[in-house]
């Protein structure tokens, strides 16, 4: 192995992760276009459909997004009436995001997205589960 082999794209674990992520998000595009939301808005709404109310800090942790990325997403969703953002009663430094009825209603349309996406990957169920397990194991080691 030569000195510069470490710089070859084929020797980087980050590259197939990056490329696969981009390709999967590209597969989501037509389904999310029907909902008129981006992938980042979609994953944000997924968290809020589940928990209803969360601090921006905790939402960022859950989504692995910094506030610079999350703030414009939240502003857009708020402008469309899907969420509200308010200061915490207990601590004014904490910004709380809450799903609205309009945001909850969008969940009815979005429920089809994972079903449509299931056919996009050619991985069998066991490989998909193993990939899921390994990706979360990797994320745990990086935190």
N, C-alpha and C. Protein backbone atom coordinates (compact mmCIF):
# COMPACT_ATOMS: atom_id res chain seq x y z
N UNK A 1 0.85 -1.19 0.00
CA UNK A 1 0.00 0.00 0.00
C UNK A 1 0.89 1.24 0.00
N UNK A 2 0.67 2.10 -0.97
CA UNK A 2 1.47 3.32 -1.09
C UNK A 2 1.04 4.39 -0.11
N UNK A 3 1.90 5.36 0.06
CA UNK A 3 1.69 6.46 1.00
C UNK A 3 0.37 7.19 0.75
N UNK A 4 0.00 7.36 -0.51
CA UNK A 4 -1.17 8.16 -0.85
C UNK A 4 -2.44 7.34 -1.07
N UNK A 5 -2.35 6.02 -0.87
CA UNK A 5 -3.54 5.18 -1.02
C UNK A 5 -4.65 5.57 -0.04
N UNK A 6 -4.26 6.12 1.10
CA UNK A 6 -5.27 6.55 2.08
C UNK A 6 -6.14 7.68 1.53
N UNK A 7 -5.65 8.35 0.49
CA UNK A 7 -6.40 9.46 -0.10
C UNK A 7 -7.30 9.04 -1.26
N UNK A 8 -7.29 7.77 -1.61
CA UNK A 8 -8.15 7.29 -2.69
C UNK A 8 -9.60 7.28 -2.22
N UNK A 9 -10.48 7.74 -3.06
CA UNK A 9 -11.90 7.79 -2.74
C UNK A 9 -12.43 6.42 -2.35
N UNK A 10 -11.97 5.39 -3.05
CA UNK A 10 -12.44 4.02 -2.78
C UNK A 10 -12.03 3.51 -1.40
N UNK A 11 -11.09 4.18 -0.74
CA UNK A 11 -10.65 3.76 0.59
C UNK A 11 -11.30 4.56 1.72
N UNK A 12 -12.28 5.37 1.39
CA UNK A 12 -12.94 6.22 2.38
C UNK A 12 -14.31 5.65 2.75
N UNK A 13 -14.54 5.38 4.02
CA UNK A 13 -15.87 4.93 4.44
C UNK A 13 -16.89 6.07 4.31
N UNK A 14 -16.41 7.30 4.44
CA UNK A 14 -17.32 8.45 4.38
C UNK A 14 -17.95 8.62 3.00
N UNK A 15 -17.22 8.26 1.95
CA UNK A 15 -17.76 8.51 0.63
C UNK A 15 -19.00 7.68 0.28
N UNK A 16 -19.00 6.35 0.47
CA UNK A 16 -20.23 5.63 0.15
C UNK A 16 -21.40 6.04 1.05
N UNK A 17 -21.10 6.44 2.28
CA UNK A 17 -22.17 6.94 3.16
C UNK A 17 -22.76 8.22 2.60
N UNK A 18 -21.88 9.13 2.20
CA UNK A 18 -22.29 10.41 1.61
C UNK A 18 -23.09 10.20 0.32
N UNK A 19 -22.55 9.38 -0.57
CA UNK A 19 -23.21 9.15 -1.86
C UNK A 19 -24.55 8.43 -1.68
N UNK A 20 -24.59 7.42 -0.80
CA UNK A 20 -25.85 6.70 -0.56
C UNK A 20 -26.89 7.63 0.04
N UNK A 21 -26.48 8.47 0.95
CA UNK A 21 -27.40 9.43 1.57
C UNK A 21 -28.00 10.37 0.51
N UNK A 22 -27.14 10.90 -0.34
CA UNK A 22 -27.62 11.79 -1.41
C UNK A 22 -28.58 11.07 -2.36
N UNK A 23 -28.26 9.85 -2.71
CA UNK A 23 -29.11 9.08 -3.63
C UNK A 23 -30.46 8.74 -3.00
N UNK A 24 -30.45 8.38 -1.73
CA UNK A 24 -31.70 8.07 -1.05
C UNK A 24 -32.57 9.31 -0.94
N UNK A 25 -31.97 10.42 -0.57
CA UNK A 25 -32.74 11.67 -0.48
C UNK A 25 -33.30 12.05 -1.84
N UNK A 26 -32.54 11.79 -2.90
CA UNK A 26 -33.03 12.04 -4.26
C UNK A 26 -34.27 11.18 -4.55
N UNK A 27 -34.28 9.95 -4.04
CA UNK A 27 -35.44 9.07 -4.23
C UNK A 27 -36.68 9.61 -3.50
N UNK A 28 -36.47 10.29 -2.39
CA UNK A 28 -37.58 10.89 -1.64
C UNK A 28 -38.22 12.06 -2.38
N UNK A 29 -37.43 12.74 -3.18
CA UNK A 29 -37.84 14.01 -3.79
C UNK A 29 -39.24 14.00 -4.42
N UNK A 30 -39.57 13.08 -5.32
CA UNK A 30 -40.89 13.15 -5.94
C UNK A 30 -42.04 12.96 -4.94
N UNK A 31 -41.82 12.16 -3.92
CA UNK A 31 -42.87 11.93 -2.93
C UNK A 31 -43.05 13.15 -2.03
N UNK A 32 -41.95 13.80 -1.71
CA UNK A 32 -42.02 15.00 -0.87
C UNK A 32 -42.50 16.21 -1.67
N UNK A 33 -42.27 16.19 -2.97
CA UNK A 33 -42.78 17.24 -3.84
C UNK A 33 -44.30 17.29 -3.77
N UNK A 34 -44.92 16.11 -3.70
CA UNK A 34 -46.38 16.04 -3.56
C UNK A 34 -46.86 16.70 -2.27
N UNK A 35 -46.01 16.67 -1.24
CA UNK A 35 -46.34 17.29 0.04
C UNK A 35 -45.86 18.74 0.12
N UNK A 36 -45.08 19.15 -0.88
CA UNK A 36 -44.49 20.48 -0.95
C UNK A 36 -43.56 20.76 0.24
N UNK A 37 -42.74 19.75 0.59
CA UNK A 37 -41.75 19.93 1.65
C UNK A 37 -40.42 19.32 1.21
N UNK A 38 -39.36 19.78 1.84
CA UNK A 38 -38.02 19.24 1.58
C UNK A 38 -37.76 18.04 2.49
N UNK A 39 -36.68 17.33 2.24
CA UNK A 39 -36.34 16.20 3.08
C UNK A 39 -36.07 16.65 4.52
N UNK A 40 -35.36 17.76 4.70
CA UNK A 40 -35.07 18.25 6.04
C UNK A 40 -36.36 18.66 6.77
N UNK A 41 -37.29 19.26 6.05
CA UNK A 41 -38.59 19.58 6.64
C UNK A 41 -39.34 18.29 7.01
N UNK A 42 -39.23 17.29 6.16
CA UNK A 42 -39.89 16.00 6.39
C UNK A 42 -39.39 15.34 7.67
N UNK A 43 -38.07 15.25 7.84
CA UNK A 43 -37.55 14.59 9.04
C UNK A 43 -37.87 15.41 10.30
N UNK A 44 -37.90 16.72 10.16
CA UNK A 44 -38.29 17.58 11.28
C UNK A 44 -39.74 17.30 11.67
N UNK A 45 -40.61 17.24 10.67
CA UNK A 45 -42.01 16.95 10.94
C UNK A 45 -42.20 15.54 11.51
N UNK A 46 -41.39 14.59 11.06
CA UNK A 46 -41.48 13.23 11.59
C UNK A 46 -41.28 13.21 13.10
N UNK A 47 -40.29 13.96 13.57
CA UNK A 47 -40.05 14.05 15.01
C UNK A 47 -41.25 14.69 15.69
N UNK A 48 -41.75 15.78 15.13
CA UNK A 48 -42.86 16.49 15.76
C UNK A 48 -44.17 15.72 15.70
N UNK A 49 -44.39 14.93 14.67
CA UNK A 49 -45.59 14.08 14.63
C UNK A 49 -45.55 13.09 15.79
N UNK A 50 -44.36 12.70 16.18
CA UNK A 50 -44.21 11.73 17.26
C UNK A 50 -44.27 12.37 18.64
N UNK A 51 -43.51 13.45 18.85
CA UNK A 51 -43.39 14.02 20.20
C UNK A 51 -44.28 15.25 20.43
N UNK A 52 -44.78 15.86 19.38
CA UNK A 52 -45.67 17.04 19.42
C UNK A 52 -44.98 18.34 19.83
N UNK A 53 -44.09 18.27 20.81
CA UNK A 53 -43.47 19.48 21.36
C UNK A 53 -42.05 19.14 21.81
N UNK A 54 -41.09 20.02 21.44
CA UNK A 54 -39.68 19.73 21.76
C UNK A 54 -38.88 21.03 21.70
N UNK A 55 -37.81 21.09 22.47
CA UNK A 55 -36.93 22.26 22.37
C UNK A 55 -36.14 22.19 21.07
N UNK A 56 -35.75 23.34 20.57
CA UNK A 56 -34.96 23.39 19.33
C UNK A 56 -33.64 22.64 19.55
N UNK A 57 -33.06 22.79 20.73
CA UNK A 57 -31.80 22.11 21.04
C UNK A 57 -31.97 20.59 20.96
N UNK A 58 -33.02 20.05 21.58
CA UNK A 58 -33.25 18.61 21.55
C UNK A 58 -33.62 18.12 20.15
N UNK A 59 -34.35 18.93 19.42
CA UNK A 59 -34.70 18.59 18.03
C UNK A 59 -33.43 18.49 17.19
N UNK A 60 -32.54 19.46 17.35
CA UNK A 60 -31.26 19.44 16.64
C UNK A 60 -30.44 18.20 16.94
N UNK A 61 -30.42 17.80 18.22
CA UNK A 61 -29.69 16.58 18.62
C UNK A 61 -30.29 15.36 17.95
N UNK A 62 -31.61 15.27 17.97
CA UNK A 62 -32.30 14.11 17.38
C UNK A 62 -32.03 14.00 15.88
N UNK A 63 -31.96 15.13 15.21
CA UNK A 63 -31.79 15.15 13.75
C UNK A 63 -30.34 15.31 13.31
N UNK A 64 -29.42 15.46 14.27
CA UNK A 64 -28.01 15.70 13.95
C UNK A 64 -27.85 16.95 13.08
N UNK A 65 -28.60 18.00 13.45
CA UNK A 65 -28.55 19.27 12.72
C UNK A 65 -28.16 20.39 13.67
N UNK A 66 -27.33 21.32 13.19
CA UNK A 66 -26.99 22.47 14.02
C UNK A 66 -28.07 23.54 13.85
N UNK A 67 -28.04 24.53 14.72
CA UNK A 67 -29.09 25.56 14.70
C UNK A 67 -29.06 26.38 13.41
N UNK A 68 -27.89 26.52 12.81
CA UNK A 68 -27.79 27.26 11.55
C UNK A 68 -28.55 26.58 10.41
N UNK A 69 -28.61 25.27 10.45
CA UNK A 69 -29.37 24.51 9.45
C UNK A 69 -30.84 24.42 9.84
N UNK A 70 -31.09 24.22 11.12
CA UNK A 70 -32.45 24.00 11.60
C UNK A 70 -33.30 25.26 11.62
N UNK A 71 -32.73 26.41 11.96
CA UNK A 71 -33.50 27.64 12.08
C UNK A 71 -34.27 28.00 10.81
N UNK A 72 -33.64 28.01 9.62
CA UNK A 72 -34.43 28.35 8.42
C UNK A 72 -35.53 27.32 8.12
N UNK A 73 -35.27 26.06 8.44
CA UNK A 73 -36.28 25.01 8.25
C UNK A 73 -37.48 25.30 9.13
N UNK A 74 -37.21 25.62 10.39
CA UNK A 74 -38.29 25.90 11.34
C UNK A 74 -39.05 27.18 10.96
N UNK A 75 -38.33 28.19 10.51
CA UNK A 75 -38.99 29.43 10.08
C UNK A 75 -39.94 29.16 8.92
N UNK A 76 -39.49 28.34 7.97
CA UNK A 76 -40.32 28.00 6.82
C UNK A 76 -41.56 27.23 7.26
N UNK A 77 -41.37 26.22 8.11
CA UNK A 77 -42.51 25.43 8.58
C UNK A 77 -43.48 26.28 9.40
N UNK A 78 -42.94 27.21 10.16
CA UNK A 78 -43.80 28.10 10.94
C UNK A 78 -44.58 29.03 10.01
N UNK A 79 -43.91 29.55 9.00
CA UNK A 79 -44.57 30.44 8.03
C UNK A 79 -45.70 29.75 7.28
N UNK A 80 -45.62 28.45 7.17
CA UNK A 80 -46.65 27.67 6.47
C UNK A 80 -47.73 27.15 7.42
N UNK A 81 -47.57 27.48 8.70
CA UNK A 81 -48.58 27.10 9.69
C UNK A 81 -48.48 25.68 10.21
N UNK A 82 -47.35 25.01 9.95
CA UNK A 82 -47.18 23.62 10.40
C UNK A 82 -46.69 23.51 11.84
N UNK A 83 -45.97 24.54 12.29
CA UNK A 83 -45.42 24.54 13.65
C UNK A 83 -45.56 25.92 14.27
N UNK A 84 -45.37 25.98 15.58
CA UNK A 84 -45.19 27.26 16.27
C UNK A 84 -43.86 27.19 17.01
N UNK A 85 -43.25 28.36 17.21
CA UNK A 85 -42.01 28.46 17.99
C UNK A 85 -42.26 29.49 19.07
N UNK A 86 -42.05 29.09 20.31
CA UNK A 86 -42.27 30.00 21.44
C UNK A 86 -41.20 29.78 22.49
N UNK A 87 -40.93 30.82 23.25
CA UNK A 87 -39.98 30.73 24.36
C UNK A 87 -40.61 29.90 25.48
N UNK A 88 -39.79 29.12 26.14
CA UNK A 88 -40.24 28.32 27.27
C UNK A 88 -40.69 29.21 28.41
N UNK A 89 -41.76 28.82 29.08
CA UNK A 89 -42.24 29.55 30.27
C UNK A 89 -41.23 29.44 31.41
N UNK A 90 -40.55 28.29 31.49
CA UNK A 90 -39.61 28.04 32.58
C UNK A 90 -38.25 28.72 32.36
N UNK A 91 -37.83 28.83 31.09
CA UNK A 91 -36.51 29.38 30.79
C UNK A 91 -36.58 30.07 29.43
N UNK A 92 -36.54 31.40 29.44
CA UNK A 92 -36.68 32.18 28.20
C UNK A 92 -35.60 31.91 27.17
N UNK A 93 -34.49 31.32 27.60
CA UNK A 93 -33.41 31.02 26.65
C UNK A 93 -33.76 29.82 25.77
N UNK A 94 -34.74 29.04 26.20
CA UNK A 94 -35.11 27.81 25.50
C UNK A 94 -36.27 28.08 24.54
N UNK A 95 -36.06 27.71 23.28
CA UNK A 95 -37.09 27.87 22.26
C UNK A 95 -37.78 26.52 22.06
N UNK A 96 -39.10 26.54 22.17
CA UNK A 96 -39.91 25.32 22.05
C UNK A 96 -40.62 25.31 20.70
N UNK A 97 -40.55 24.17 20.03
CA UNK A 97 -41.24 23.98 18.76
C UNK A 97 -42.40 23.04 19.02
N UNK A 98 -43.57 23.39 18.46
CA UNK A 98 -44.75 22.56 18.65
C UNK A 98 -45.49 22.41 17.33
N UNK A 99 -45.97 21.23 17.07
CA UNK A 99 -46.72 20.95 15.85
C UNK A 99 -48.12 21.56 15.98
N UNK A 100 -48.65 22.08 14.88
CA UNK A 100 -50.01 22.63 14.87
C UNK A 100 -50.98 21.59 14.31
N UNK A 101 -52.25 21.91 14.35
CA UNK A 101 -53.25 21.02 13.74
C UNK A 101 -53.00 20.87 12.25
N UNK A 102 -52.62 21.96 11.60
CA UNK A 102 -52.30 21.92 10.17
C UNK A 102 -51.11 20.99 9.92
N UNK A 103 -50.10 21.07 10.79
CA UNK A 103 -48.94 20.20 10.68
C UNK A 103 -49.31 18.75 10.91
N UNK A 104 -50.20 18.51 11.85
CA UNK A 104 -50.64 17.14 12.12
C UNK A 104 -51.45 16.60 10.94
N UNK A 105 -52.21 17.46 10.30
CA UNK A 105 -53.02 17.04 9.15
C UNK A 105 -52.14 16.57 8.00
N UNK A 106 -50.97 17.18 7.84
CA UNK A 106 -50.04 16.79 6.77
C UNK A 106 -49.57 15.34 6.95
N UNK A 107 -49.59 14.87 8.18
CA UNK A 107 -49.17 13.49 8.48
C UNK A 107 -50.02 12.48 7.71
N UNK A 108 -51.29 12.79 7.48
CA UNK A 108 -52.17 11.88 6.74
C UNK A 108 -51.68 11.65 5.32
N UNK A 109 -51.17 12.69 4.69
CA UNK A 109 -50.61 12.55 3.34
C UNK A 109 -49.24 11.87 3.38
N UNK A 110 -48.47 12.20 4.42
CA UNK A 110 -47.09 11.72 4.51
C UNK A 110 -47.00 10.24 4.85
N UNK A 111 -48.05 9.66 5.40
CA UNK A 111 -48.00 8.27 5.83
C UNK A 111 -47.69 7.32 4.68
N UNK A 112 -47.94 7.75 3.46
CA UNK A 112 -47.66 6.92 2.28
C UNK A 112 -46.18 6.94 1.87
N UNK A 113 -45.44 7.95 2.30
CA UNK A 113 -44.05 8.12 1.85
C UNK A 113 -43.17 6.92 2.18
N UNK A 114 -43.14 6.44 3.43
CA UNK A 114 -42.27 5.28 3.71
C UNK A 114 -42.65 4.05 2.90
N UNK A 115 -43.93 3.87 2.65
CA UNK A 115 -44.38 2.72 1.85
C UNK A 115 -43.87 2.84 0.41
N UNK A 116 -43.95 4.04 -0.13
CA UNK A 116 -43.45 4.27 -1.49
C UNK A 116 -41.92 4.12 -1.55
N UNK A 117 -41.25 4.56 -0.50
CA UNK A 117 -39.78 4.48 -0.46
C UNK A 117 -39.29 3.04 -0.30
N UNK A 118 -40.09 2.19 0.29
CA UNK A 118 -39.67 0.81 0.53
C UNK A 118 -39.26 0.11 -0.76
N UNK A 119 -39.87 0.46 -1.87
CA UNK A 119 -39.53 -0.16 -3.14
C UNK A 119 -38.33 0.44 -3.84
N UNK A 120 -37.77 1.50 -3.31
CA UNK A 120 -36.65 2.18 -3.97
C UNK A 120 -35.31 1.47 -3.80
N UNK A 121 -35.16 0.76 -2.71
CA UNK A 121 -33.90 0.06 -2.45
C UNK A 121 -34.04 -1.40 -2.85
N UNK A 122 -32.99 -1.93 -3.39
CA UNK A 122 -32.99 -3.34 -3.80
C UNK A 122 -32.42 -4.24 -2.71
N UNK A 123 -32.20 -3.69 -1.51
CA UNK A 123 -31.70 -4.50 -0.40
C UNK A 123 -32.81 -5.42 0.09
N UNK A 124 -32.43 -6.66 0.42
CA UNK A 124 -33.44 -7.53 1.03
C UNK A 124 -33.64 -7.08 2.48
N UNK A 125 -34.67 -7.60 3.12
CA UNK A 125 -35.04 -7.15 4.46
C UNK A 125 -33.92 -7.35 5.48
N UNK A 126 -33.22 -8.49 5.43
CA UNK A 126 -32.13 -8.75 6.37
C UNK A 126 -30.97 -7.78 6.18
N UNK A 127 -30.61 -7.51 4.92
CA UNK A 127 -29.53 -6.56 4.65
C UNK A 127 -29.92 -5.15 5.09
N UNK A 128 -31.17 -4.77 4.85
CA UNK A 128 -31.64 -3.45 5.26
C UNK A 128 -31.58 -3.30 6.78
N UNK A 129 -32.01 -4.33 7.50
CA UNK A 129 -31.95 -4.29 8.97
C UNK A 129 -30.51 -4.22 9.47
N UNK A 130 -29.62 -4.97 8.83
CA UNK A 130 -28.21 -4.96 9.21
C UNK A 130 -27.58 -3.59 8.93
N UNK A 131 -27.89 -3.01 7.79
CA UNK A 131 -27.38 -1.68 7.46
C UNK A 131 -27.87 -0.66 8.47
N UNK A 132 -29.15 -0.71 8.80
CA UNK A 132 -29.75 0.18 9.80
C UNK A 132 -29.00 0.05 11.13
N UNK A 133 -28.78 -1.19 11.57
CA UNK A 133 -28.09 -1.46 12.82
C UNK A 133 -26.67 -0.89 12.80
N UNK A 134 -25.95 -1.13 11.71
CA UNK A 134 -24.57 -0.66 11.60
C UNK A 134 -24.49 0.87 11.53
N UNK A 135 -25.42 1.49 10.84
CA UNK A 135 -25.40 2.96 10.75
C UNK A 135 -25.64 3.59 12.11
N UNK A 136 -26.60 3.05 12.88
CA UNK A 136 -26.82 3.59 14.21
C UNK A 136 -25.66 3.28 15.15
N UNK A 137 -25.02 2.15 14.95
CA UNK A 137 -23.82 1.83 15.75
C UNK A 137 -22.73 2.85 15.43
N UNK A 138 -22.56 3.16 14.17
CA UNK A 138 -21.59 4.17 13.75
C UNK A 138 -21.92 5.53 14.35
N UNK A 139 -23.19 5.93 14.27
CA UNK A 139 -23.60 7.22 14.84
C UNK A 139 -23.31 7.27 16.34
N UNK A 140 -23.57 6.18 17.03
CA UNK A 140 -23.30 6.13 18.49
C UNK A 140 -21.82 6.32 18.78
N UNK A 141 -20.95 5.78 17.92
CA UNK A 141 -19.51 5.91 18.18
C UNK A 141 -19.00 7.31 17.84
N UNK A 142 -19.74 8.05 17.04
CA UNK A 142 -19.30 9.38 16.62
C UNK A 142 -19.78 10.48 17.57
N UNK A 143 -20.76 10.17 18.39
CA UNK A 143 -21.29 11.19 19.31
C UNK A 143 -20.35 11.46 20.46
